[in-house]
Amino acid sequence: MGLLVGLLVIWAVLVVLGIVVKGLFWLIIVGAVLFVATGVIGIVKRGALSARR
């Protein structure tokens, strides 16, 4: 759970910086990739937890 929260915090910081600082569009892209990765990790972990029960 800590990994997911950490990734979400990093994602939020990168997106905000990318929006605030002009010319750092690539930070928004990196933030979006981290968001997708966090979602995939969450789905995989949820599936692993469901399989154990």
PDB file of N, CA and C in Angstrom:
ATOM      1  N   MET A   1       0.815  -1.189   0.000  1.00  0.00           N
ATOM      2  CA  MET A   1       0.000   0.000   0.000  1.00  0.00           C
ATOM      3  C   MET A   1       0.863   1.260   0.000  1.00  0.00           C
ATOM      4  N   GLY A   2       1.999   1.203   0.676  1.00  0.00           N
ATOM      5  CA  GLY A   2       2.889   2.349   0.725  1.00  0.00           C
ATOM      6  C   GLY A   2       3.437   2.723  -0.635  1.00  0.00           C
ATOM      7  N   LEU A   3       3.703   1.712  -1.469  1.00  0.00           N
ATOM      8  CA  LEU A   3       4.213   1.961  -2.814  1.00  0.00           C
ATOM      9  C   LEU A   3       3.183   2.720  -3.641  1.00  0.00           C
ATOM     10  N   LEU A   4       1.929   2.319  -3.537  1.00  0.00           N
ATOM     11  CA  LEU A   4       0.885   2.988  -4.310  1.00  0.00           C
ATOM     12  C   LEU A   4       0.711   4.433  -3.871  1.00  0.00           C
ATOM     13  N   VAL A   5       0.729   4.670  -2.584  1.00  0.00           N
ATOM     14  CA  VAL A   5       0.589   6.040  -2.076  1.00  0.00           C
ATOM     15  C   VAL A   5       1.777   6.888  -2.517  1.00  0.00           C
ATOM     16  N   GLY A   6       2.970   6.326  -2.451  1.00  0.00           N
ATOM     17  CA  GLY A   6       4.161   7.045  -2.893  1.00  0.00           C
ATOM     18  C   GLY A   6       4.096   7.402  -4.366  1.00  0.00           C
ATOM     19  N   LEU A   7       3.657   6.462  -5.187  1.00  0.00           N
ATOM     20  CA  LEU A   7       3.531   6.734  -6.618  1.00  0.00           C
ATOM     21  C   LEU A   7       2.471   7.794  -6.895  1.00  0.00           C
ATOM     22  N   LEU A   8       1.382   7.762  -6.138  1.00  0.00           N
ATOM     23  CA  LEU A   8       0.343   8.775  -6.335  1.00  0.00           C
ATOM     24  C   LEU A   8       0.836  10.165  -5.950  1.00  0.00           C
ATOM     25  N   VAL A   9       1.622  10.251  -4.899  1.00  0.00           N
ATOM     26  CA  VAL A   9       2.169  11.551  -4.493  1.00  0.00           C
ATOM     27  C   VAL A   9       3.134  12.071  -5.554  1.00  0.00           C
ATOM     28  N   ILE A  10       4.015  11.206  -6.023  1.00  0.00           N
ATOM     29  CA  ILE A  10       4.959  11.608  -7.075  1.00  0.00           C
ATOM     30  C   ILE A  10       4.207  12.022  -8.331  1.00  0.00           C
ATOM     31  N   TRP A  11       3.170  11.277  -8.684  1.00  0.00           N
ATOM     32  CA  TRP A  11       2.361  11.592  -9.857  1.00  0.00           C
ATOM     33  C   TRP A  11       1.742  12.975  -9.725  1.00  0.00           C
ATOM     34  N   ALA A  12       1.161  13.260  -8.571  1.00  0.00           N
ATOM     35  CA  ALA A  12       0.504  14.545  -8.371  1.00  0.00           C
ATOM     36  C   ALA A  12       1.511  15.695  -8.440  1.00  0.00           C
ATOM     37  N   VAL A  13       2.668  15.530  -7.825  1.00  0.00           N
ATOM     38  CA  VAL A  13       3.689  16.584  -7.824  1.00  0.00           C
ATOM     39  C   VAL A  13       4.175  16.857  -9.245  1.00  0.00           C
ATOM     40  N   LEU A  14       4.439  15.819 -10.009  1.00  0.00           N
ATOM     41  CA  LEU A  14       4.926  16.006 -11.378  1.00  0.00           C
ATOM     42  C   LEU A  14       3.899  16.692 -12.259  1.00  0.00           C
ATOM     43  N   VAL A  15       2.649  16.318 -12.117  1.00  0.00           N
ATOM     44  CA  VAL A  15       1.612  16.935 -12.948  1.00  0.00           C
ATOM     45  C   VAL A  15       1.449  18.405 -12.582  1.00  0.00           C
ATOM     46  N   VAL A  16       1.434  18.713 -11.297  1.00  0.00           N
ATOM     47  CA  VAL A  16       1.288  20.107 -10.882  1.00  0.00           C
ATOM     48  C   VAL A  16       2.475  20.931 -11.361  1.00  0.00           C
ATOM     49  N   LEU A  17       3.682  20.412 -11.210  1.00  0.00           N
ATOM     50  CA  LEU A  17       4.860  21.136 -11.700  1.00  0.00           C
ATOM     51  C   LEU A  17       4.807  21.326 -13.209  1.00  0.00           C
ATOM     52  N   GLY A  18       4.372  20.306 -13.910  1.00  0.00           N
ATOM     53  CA  GLY A  18       4.274  20.407 -15.360  1.00  0.00           C
ATOM     54  C   GLY A  18       3.265  21.448 -15.811  1.00  0.00           C
ATOM     55  N   ILE A  19       2.194  21.601 -15.037  1.00  0.00           N
ATOM     56  CA  ILE A  19       1.168  22.584 -15.386  1.00  0.00           C
ATOM     57  C   ILE A  19       1.631  23.994 -15.016  1.00  0.00           C
ATOM     58  N   VAL A  20       2.240  24.127 -13.831  1.00  0.00           N
ATOM     59  CA  VAL A  20       2.622  25.453 -13.332  1.00  0.00           C
ATOM     60  C   VAL A  20       3.802  26.027 -14.107  1.00  0.00           C
ATOM     61  N   VAL A  21       4.822  25.223 -14.324  1.00  0.00           N
ATOM     62  CA  VAL A  21       6.038  25.708 -14.994  1.00  0.00           C
ATOM     63  C   VAL A  21       5.853  25.539 -16.496  1.00  0.00           C
ATOM     64  N   LYS A  22       5.815  26.654 -17.181  1.00  0.00           N
ATOM     65  CA  LYS A  22       5.594  26.612 -18.621  1.00  0.00           C
ATOM     66  C   LYS A  22       6.784  25.960 -19.318  1.00  0.00           C
ATOM     67  N   GLY A  23       6.503  25.137 -20.290  1.00  0.00           N
ATOM     68  CA  GLY A  23       7.559  24.484 -21.050  1.00  0.00           C
ATOM     69  C   GLY A  23       7.977  23.135 -20.496  1.00  0.00           C
ATOM     70  N   LEU A  24       7.314  22.687 -19.448  1.00  0.00           N
ATOM     71  CA  LEU A  24       7.635  21.371 -18.893  1.00  0.00           C
ATOM     72  C   LEU A  24       6.500  20.387 -19.158  1.00  0.00           C
ATOM     73  N   PHE A  25       6.060  20.364 -20.407  1.00  0.00           N
ATOM     74  CA  PHE A  25       4.978  19.457 -20.806  1.00  0.00           C
ATOM     75  C   PHE A  25       5.367  18.003 -20.586  1.00  0.00           C
ATOM     76  N   TRP A  26       6.663  17.729 -20.673  1.00  0.00           N
ATOM     77  CA  TRP A  26       7.119  16.346 -20.500  1.00  0.00           C
ATOM     78  C   TRP A  26       6.846  15.848 -19.085  1.00  0.00           C
ATOM     79  N   LEU A  27       6.779  16.751 -18.108  1.00  0.00           N
ATOM     80  CA  LEU A  27       6.439  16.325 -16.745  1.00  0.00           C
ATOM     81  C   LEU A  27       5.005  15.832 -16.665  1.00  0.00           C
ATOM     82  N   ILE A  28       4.127  16.456 -17.429  1.00  0.00           N
ATOM     83  CA  ILE A  28       2.743  15.986 -17.467  1.00  0.00           C
ATOM     84  C   ILE A  28       2.695  14.587 -18.060  1.00  0.00           C
ATOM     85  N   ILE A  29       3.488  14.349 -19.095  1.00  0.00           N
ATOM     86  CA  ILE A  29       3.525  13.030 -19.725  1.00  0.00           C
ATOM     87  C   ILE A  29       4.063  11.988 -18.741  1.00  0.00           C
ATOM     88  N   VAL A  30       5.146  12.321 -18.038  1.00  0.00           N
ATOM     89  CA  VAL A  30       5.715  11.400 -17.050  1.00  0.00           C
ATOM     90  C   VAL A  30       4.700  11.131 -15.940  1.00  0.00           C
ATOM     91  N   GLY A  31       3.991  12.168 -15.507  1.00  0.00           N
ATOM     92  CA  GLY A  31       2.957  12.002 -14.495  1.00  0.00           C
ATOM     93  C   GLY A  31       1.843  11.090 -14.965  1.00  0.00           C
ATOM     94  N   ALA A  32       1.450  11.222 -16.225  1.00  0.00           N
ATOM     95  CA  ALA A  32       0.404  10.363 -16.780  1.00  0.00           C
ATOM     96  C   ALA A  32       0.867   8.910 -16.848  1.00  0.00           C
ATOM     97  N   VAL A  33       2.117   8.704 -17.213  1.00  0.00           N
ATOM     98  CA  VAL A  33       2.661   7.339 -17.260  1.00  0.00           C
ATOM     99  C   VAL A  33       2.695   6.742 -15.855  1.00  0.00           C
ATOM    100  N   LEU A  34       3.095   7.530 -14.870  1.00  0.00           N
ATOM    101  CA  LEU A  34       3.092   7.048 -13.486  1.00  0.00           C
ATOM    102  C   LEU A  34       1.677   6.737 -13.006  1.00  0.00           C
ATOM    103  N   PHE A  35       0.709   7.537 -13.426  1.00  0.00           N
ATOM    104  CA  PHE A  35      -0.679   7.285 -13.053  1.00  0.00           C
ATOM    105  C   PHE A  35      -1.148   5.939 -13.607  1.00  0.00           C
ATOM    106  N   VAL A  36      -0.839   5.673 -14.856  1.00  0.00           N
ATOM    107  CA  VAL A  36      -1.223   4.399 -15.470  1.00  0.00           C
ATOM    108  C   VAL A  36      -0.508   3.238 -14.780  1.00  0.00           C
ATOM    109  N   ALA A  37       0.790   3.420 -14.491  1.00  0.00           N
ATOM    110  CA  ALA A  37       1.550   2.373 -13.806  1.00  0.00           C
ATOM    111  C   ALA A  37       0.979   2.093 -12.420  1.00  0.00           C
ATOM    112  N   THR A  38       0.578   3.140 -11.708  1.00  0.00           N
ATOM    113  CA  THR A  38      -0.020   2.963 -10.385  1.00  0.00           C
ATOM    114  C   THR A  38      -1.328   2.192 -10.492  1.00  0.00           C
ATOM    115  N   GLY A  39      -2.115   2.507 -11.484  1.00  0.00           N
ATOM    116  CA  GLY A  39      -3.364   1.776 -11.699  1.00  0.00           C
ATOM    117  C   GLY A  39      -3.121   0.305 -12.000  1.00  0.00           C
ATOM    118  N   VAL A  40      -2.140   0.023 -12.837  1.00  0.00           N
ATOM    119  CA  VAL A  40      -1.817  -1.370 -13.176  1.00  0.00           C
ATOM    120  C   VAL A  40      -1.327  -2.124 -11.944  1.00  0.00           C
ATOM    121  N   ILE A  41      -0.451  -1.491 -11.162  1.00  0.00           N
ATOM    122  CA  ILE A  41       0.055  -2.131  -9.949  1.00  0.00           C
ATOM    123  C   ILE A  41      -1.098  -2.403  -8.983  1.00  0.00           C
ATOM    124  N   GLY A  42      -2.005  -1.444  -8.847  1.00  0.00           N
ATOM    125  CA  GLY A  42      -3.156  -1.631  -7.965  1.00  0.00           C
ATOM    126  C   GLY A  42      -4.048  -2.771  -8.410  1.00  0.00           C
ATOM    127  N   ILE A  43      -4.279  -2.880  -9.700  1.00  0.00           N
ATOM    128  CA  ILE A  43      -5.116  -3.966 -10.230  1.00  0.00           C
ATOM    129  C   ILE A  43      -4.445  -5.308 -10.011  1.00  0.00           C
ATOM    130  N   VAL A  44      -3.141  -5.375 -10.257  1.00  0.00           N
ATOM    131  CA  VAL A  44      -2.412  -6.633 -10.073  1.00  0.00           C
ATOM    132  C   VAL A  44      -2.434  -7.045  -8.607  1.00  0.00           C
ATOM    133  N   LYS A  45      -2.202  -6.091  -7.697  1.00  0.00           N
ATOM    134  CA  LYS A  45      -2.213  -6.417  -6.281  1.00  0.00           C
ATOM    135  C   LYS A  45      -3.601  -6.826  -5.815  1.00  0.00           C
ATOM    136  N   ARG A  46      -4.618  -6.175  -6.320  1.00  0.00           N
ATOM    137  CA  ARG A  46      -5.985  -6.536  -5.944  1.00  0.00           C
ATOM    138  C   ARG A  46      -6.309  -7.948  -6.423  1.00  0.00           C
ATOM    139  N   GLY A  47      -5.860  -8.290  -7.625  1.00  0.00           N
ATOM    140  CA  GLY A  47      -6.065  -9.646  -8.136  1.00  0.00           C
ATOM    141  C   GLY A  47      -5.330 -10.686  -7.325  1.00  0.00           C
ATOM    142  N   ALA A  48      -4.114 -10.352  -6.863  1.00  0.00           N
ATOM    143  CA  ALA A  48      -3.342 -11.273  -6.052  1.00  0.00           C
ATOM    144  C   ALA A  48      -3.998 -11.473  -4.695  1.00  0.00           C
ATOM    145  N   LEU A  49      -4.571 -10.412  -4.144  1.00  0.00           N
ATOM    146  CA  LEU A  49      -5.259 -10.538  -2.859  1.00  0.00           C
ATOM    147  C   LEU A  49      -6.533 -11.361  -2.995  1.00  0.00           C
ATOM    148  N   SER A  50      -7.252 -11.193  -4.112  1.00  0.00           N
ATOM    149  CA  SER A  50      -8.465 -11.958  -4.327  1.00  0.00           C
ATOM    150  C   SER A  50      -8.160 -13.444  -4.527  1.00  0.00           C
ATOM    151  N   ALA A  51      -7.027 -13.731  -5.160  1.00  0.00           N
ATOM    152  CA  ALA A  51      -6.664 -15.124  -5.421  1.00  0.00           C
ATOM    153  C   ALA A  51      -6.295 -15.848  -4.123  1.00  0.00           C
ATOM    154  N   ARG A  52      -5.762 -15.134  -3.139  1.00  0.00           N
ATOM    155  CA  ARG A  52      -5.374 -15.758  -1.881  1.00  0.00           C
ATOM    156  C   ARG A  52      -6.578 -16.141  -1.038  1.00  0.00           C
ATOM    157  N   ARG A  53      -7.667 -15.438  -1.177  1.00  0.00           N
ATOM    158  CA  ARG A  53      -8.840 -15.679  -0.324  1.00  0.00           C
ATOM    159  C   ARG A  53      -9.620 -16.837  -0.787  1.00  0.00           C
TER     160      ARG A  53
END
